[in-house]
Amino acid sequence: MSHGLLLAGSSRRIPQGMNKRAFNPLWFLLLLPYIGLLWVPFYNFAQPELFGFPFFYWYQLAWVPLTSVLTYIVYRSLGDDE
């Protein structure tokens, strides 16, 4: 009798020690947008302005492409098996 996890729709089994994902420290990059936007009093200011937008708005808007870049970095760092 073989031990391990049976894959759905397959007769292959994954060895017992391999059914857990390895921890990758780069996953902490995905927490940065939450940390950066969580505490509103940190960025609840009108100055400095950028192209006429108060700091409150452009700070939040800057996190949109930054979050995309961070997600891309984490995605590309994962192997095909993760």
N, C-alpha and C. Protein backbone atom coordinates (compact mmCIF):
# COMPACT_ATOMS: atom_id res chain seq x y z
N MET A 1 0.84 -1.17 0.00
CA MET A 1 0.00 0.00 0.00
C MET A 1 0.89 1.24 0.00
N SER A 2 0.65 2.14 -0.96
CA SER A 2 1.47 3.34 -1.02
C SER A 2 0.85 4.44 -0.17
N HIS A 3 1.71 5.22 0.44
CA HIS A 3 1.25 6.31 1.30
C HIS A 3 1.39 7.62 0.54
N GLY A 4 0.50 8.52 0.79
CA GLY A 4 0.59 9.84 0.18
C GLY A 4 -0.78 10.34 -0.23
N LEU A 5 -0.79 11.45 -0.88
CA LEU A 5 -2.01 12.13 -1.30
C LEU A 5 -2.36 11.70 -2.71
N LEU A 6 -3.59 11.26 -2.93
CA LEU A 6 -4.04 10.87 -4.25
C LEU A 6 -4.55 12.10 -4.98
N LEU A 7 -4.00 12.36 -6.17
CA LEU A 7 -4.44 13.51 -6.95
C LEU A 7 -5.81 13.23 -7.56
N ALA A 8 -6.67 14.23 -7.57
CA ALA A 8 -8.01 14.07 -8.14
C ALA A 8 -7.91 13.77 -9.62
N GLY A 9 -8.65 12.79 -10.08
CA GLY A 9 -8.67 12.43 -11.48
C GLY A 9 -7.38 11.78 -11.95
N SER A 10 -6.60 11.26 -11.07
CA SER A 10 -5.31 10.69 -11.44
C SER A 10 -5.02 9.48 -10.56
N SER A 11 -4.18 8.62 -11.05
CA SER A 11 -3.76 7.49 -10.23
C SER A 11 -2.40 7.75 -9.60
N ARG A 12 -1.84 8.95 -9.81
CA ARG A 12 -0.55 9.32 -9.22
C ARG A 12 -0.72 9.72 -7.77
N ARG A 13 0.27 9.44 -6.98
CA ARG A 13 0.27 9.85 -5.58
C ARG A 13 1.45 10.77 -5.33
N ILE A 14 1.22 11.75 -4.49
CA ILE A 14 2.29 12.65 -4.07
C ILE A 14 2.84 12.09 -2.76
N PRO A 15 4.15 11.95 -2.63
CA PRO A 15 4.71 11.48 -1.36
C PRO A 15 4.25 12.37 -0.20
N GLN A 16 4.13 11.80 0.97
CA GLN A 16 3.58 12.50 2.12
C GLN A 16 4.29 13.81 2.44
N GLY A 17 5.56 13.85 2.37
CA GLY A 17 6.30 15.06 2.73
C GLY A 17 6.19 16.17 1.71
N MET A 18 5.65 15.91 0.54
CA MET A 18 5.62 16.91 -0.52
C MET A 18 4.27 17.59 -0.68
N ASN A 19 3.28 17.28 0.14
CA ASN A 19 1.98 17.89 -0.05
C ASN A 19 1.85 19.24 0.65
N LYS A 20 2.89 19.70 1.31
CA LYS A 20 2.90 21.02 1.93
C LYS A 20 3.78 21.95 1.09
N ARG A 21 3.31 23.18 0.94
CA ARG A 21 4.10 24.15 0.19
C ARG A 21 5.25 24.66 1.04
N ALA A 22 6.36 24.91 0.41
CA ALA A 22 7.51 25.48 1.11
C ALA A 22 7.26 26.97 1.33
N PHE A 23 7.71 27.48 2.45
CA PHE A 23 7.53 28.89 2.76
C PHE A 23 8.54 29.71 1.97
N ASN A 24 8.06 30.77 1.35
CA ASN A 24 8.92 31.65 0.59
C ASN A 24 8.87 33.04 1.24
N PRO A 25 9.99 33.57 1.69
CA PRO A 25 9.99 34.88 2.36
C PRO A 25 9.50 36.01 1.47
N LEU A 26 9.55 35.84 0.16
CA LEU A 26 9.07 36.89 -0.74
C LEU A 26 7.56 37.10 -0.61
N TRP A 27 6.85 36.16 -0.03
CA TRP A 27 5.41 36.32 0.17
C TRP A 27 5.11 37.50 1.10
N PHE A 28 6.09 37.90 1.92
CA PHE A 28 5.90 39.05 2.79
C PHE A 28 5.74 40.34 1.98
N LEU A 29 6.22 40.35 0.74
CA LEU A 29 6.03 41.53 -0.11
C LEU A 29 4.56 41.81 -0.34
N LEU A 30 3.73 40.78 -0.30
CA LEU A 30 2.29 40.98 -0.52
C LEU A 30 1.62 41.67 0.66
N LEU A 31 2.29 41.73 1.79
CA LEU A 31 1.74 42.43 2.96
C LEU A 31 2.00 43.94 2.91
N LEU A 32 2.97 44.37 2.12
CA LEU A 32 3.32 45.79 2.09
C LEU A 32 2.15 46.71 1.72
N PRO A 33 1.33 46.39 0.71
CA PRO A 33 0.19 47.28 0.43
C PRO A 33 -0.78 47.39 1.59
N TYR A 34 -1.02 46.31 2.29
CA TYR A 34 -1.92 46.36 3.45
C TYR A 34 -1.34 47.22 4.56
N ILE A 35 -0.07 47.04 4.80
CA ILE A 35 0.59 47.82 5.85
C ILE A 35 0.63 49.29 5.46
N GLY A 36 0.93 49.57 4.20
CA GLY A 36 1.05 50.95 3.74
C GLY A 36 -0.26 51.71 3.71
N LEU A 37 -1.38 51.00 3.59
CA LEU A 37 -2.68 51.66 3.50
C LEU A 37 -3.56 51.46 4.72
N LEU A 38 -3.12 50.65 5.64
CA LEU A 38 -3.96 50.29 6.79
C LEU A 38 -4.19 51.46 7.75
N TRP A 39 -3.16 52.21 8.06
CA TRP A 39 -3.25 53.26 9.06
C TRP A 39 -3.45 54.60 8.36
N VAL A 40 -4.70 55.01 8.21
CA VAL A 40 -5.05 56.21 7.45
C VAL A 40 -4.44 57.49 8.01
N PRO A 41 -4.35 57.71 9.33
CA PRO A 41 -3.72 58.95 9.81
C PRO A 41 -2.28 59.15 9.32
N PHE A 42 -1.63 58.10 8.87
CA PHE A 42 -0.27 58.22 8.34
C PHE A 42 -0.24 59.05 7.06
N TYR A 43 -1.27 58.97 6.24
CA TYR A 43 -1.26 59.68 4.96
C TYR A 43 -2.47 60.61 4.79
N ASN A 44 -3.13 60.99 5.85
CA ASN A 44 -4.29 61.87 5.78
C ASN A 44 -3.85 63.34 5.82
N PHE A 45 -3.17 63.76 4.76
CA PHE A 45 -2.68 65.13 4.65
C PHE A 45 -2.94 65.66 3.25
N ALA A 46 -3.02 66.97 3.14
CA ALA A 46 -3.21 67.59 1.82
C ALA A 46 -1.87 67.88 1.14
N GLN A 47 -0.84 68.13 1.94
CA GLN A 47 0.47 68.47 1.38
C GLN A 47 1.42 67.29 1.55
N PRO A 48 2.31 67.00 0.68
CA PRO A 48 2.62 67.69 -0.56
C PRO A 48 1.65 67.28 -1.67
N GLU A 49 1.47 68.17 -2.62
CA GLU A 49 0.63 67.89 -3.77
C GLU A 49 1.48 67.36 -4.91
N LEU A 50 0.87 66.56 -5.75
CA LEU A 50 1.52 66.04 -6.94
C LEU A 50 0.57 66.23 -8.11
N PHE A 51 0.95 67.08 -9.05
CA PHE A 51 0.11 67.43 -10.20
C PHE A 51 -1.26 67.94 -9.75
N GLY A 52 -1.31 68.66 -8.65
CA GLY A 52 -2.54 69.22 -8.13
C GLY A 52 -3.35 68.29 -7.25
N PHE A 53 -2.93 67.03 -7.12
CA PHE A 53 -3.63 66.07 -6.27
C PHE A 53 -3.07 66.12 -4.85
N PRO A 54 -3.94 66.19 -3.85
CA PRO A 54 -3.45 66.15 -2.46
C PRO A 54 -2.76 64.81 -2.17
N PHE A 55 -1.86 64.87 -1.20
CA PHE A 55 -1.11 63.67 -0.81
C PHE A 55 -2.03 62.50 -0.50
N PHE A 56 -3.14 62.73 0.15
CA PHE A 56 -4.08 61.66 0.53
C PHE A 56 -4.48 60.82 -0.68
N TYR A 57 -4.72 61.47 -1.82
CA TYR A 57 -5.17 60.74 -3.00
C TYR A 57 -4.02 60.10 -3.77
N TRP A 58 -2.95 60.87 -4.01
CA TRP A 58 -1.91 60.28 -4.83
C TRP A 58 -1.12 59.20 -4.10
N TYR A 59 -1.08 59.25 -2.78
CA TYR A 59 -0.43 58.18 -2.02
C TYR A 59 -1.17 56.85 -2.22
N GLN A 60 -2.49 56.92 -2.12
CA GLN A 60 -3.28 55.70 -2.33
C GLN A 60 -3.20 55.21 -3.77
N LEU A 61 -3.26 56.14 -4.71
CA LEU A 61 -3.19 55.78 -6.12
C LEU A 61 -1.82 55.20 -6.49
N ALA A 62 -0.77 55.66 -5.83
CA ALA A 62 0.57 55.14 -6.10
C ALA A 62 0.69 53.66 -5.72
N TRP A 63 -0.14 53.21 -4.79
CA TRP A 63 -0.09 51.81 -4.38
C TRP A 63 -0.66 50.87 -5.44
N VAL A 64 -1.46 51.37 -6.37
CA VAL A 64 -2.05 50.49 -7.39
C VAL A 64 -0.97 49.88 -8.28
N PRO A 65 -0.14 50.68 -8.97
CA PRO A 65 0.92 50.04 -9.77
C PRO A 65 1.99 49.36 -8.92
N LEU A 66 2.25 49.92 -7.73
CA LEU A 66 3.23 49.30 -6.85
C LEU A 66 2.79 47.90 -6.42
N THR A 67 1.52 47.76 -6.11
CA THR A 67 0.99 46.44 -5.74
C THR A 67 1.08 45.47 -6.91
N SER A 68 0.83 45.96 -8.12
CA SER A 68 0.96 45.10 -9.31
C SER A 68 2.39 44.62 -9.49
N VAL A 69 3.34 45.51 -9.28
CA VAL A 69 4.76 45.14 -9.40
C VAL A 69 5.13 44.12 -8.33
N LEU A 70 4.69 44.33 -7.11
CA LEU A 70 5.00 43.38 -6.03
C LEU A 70 4.38 42.02 -6.29
N THR A 71 3.15 42.01 -6.79
CA THR A 71 2.50 40.75 -7.11
C THR A 71 3.25 40.03 -8.22
N TYR A 72 3.71 40.76 -9.22
CA TYR A 72 4.47 40.17 -10.32
C TYR A 72 5.79 39.57 -9.81
N ILE A 73 6.46 40.30 -8.93
CA ILE A 73 7.74 39.79 -8.39
C ILE A 73 7.51 38.48 -7.64
N VAL A 74 6.48 38.44 -6.80
CA VAL A 74 6.21 37.21 -6.04
C VAL A 74 5.80 36.09 -6.98
N TYR A 75 4.97 36.38 -7.96
CA TYR A 75 4.52 35.36 -8.91
C TYR A 75 5.70 34.77 -9.68
N ARG A 76 6.60 35.63 -10.16
CA ARG A 76 7.74 35.14 -10.94
C ARG A 76 8.75 34.39 -10.07
N SER A 77 8.75 34.66 -8.77
CA SER A 77 9.71 33.97 -7.90
C SER A 77 9.25 32.56 -7.53
N LEU A 78 7.97 32.29 -7.72
CA LEU A 78 7.47 30.94 -7.41
C LEU A 78 7.80 30.00 -8.55
N GLY A 79 8.11 28.79 -8.20
CA GLY A 79 8.38 27.78 -9.22
C GLY A 79 7.08 27.28 -9.84
N ASP A 80 7.20 26.47 -10.87
CA ASP A 80 6.03 25.92 -11.55
C ASP A 80 5.22 25.01 -10.65
N ASP A 81 5.86 24.40 -9.67
CA ASP A 81 5.17 23.46 -8.79
C ASP A 81 4.44 24.15 -7.66
N GLU A 82 4.60 25.47 -7.50
CA GLU A 82 3.92 26.18 -6.42
C GLU A 82 2.75 26.88 -6.99
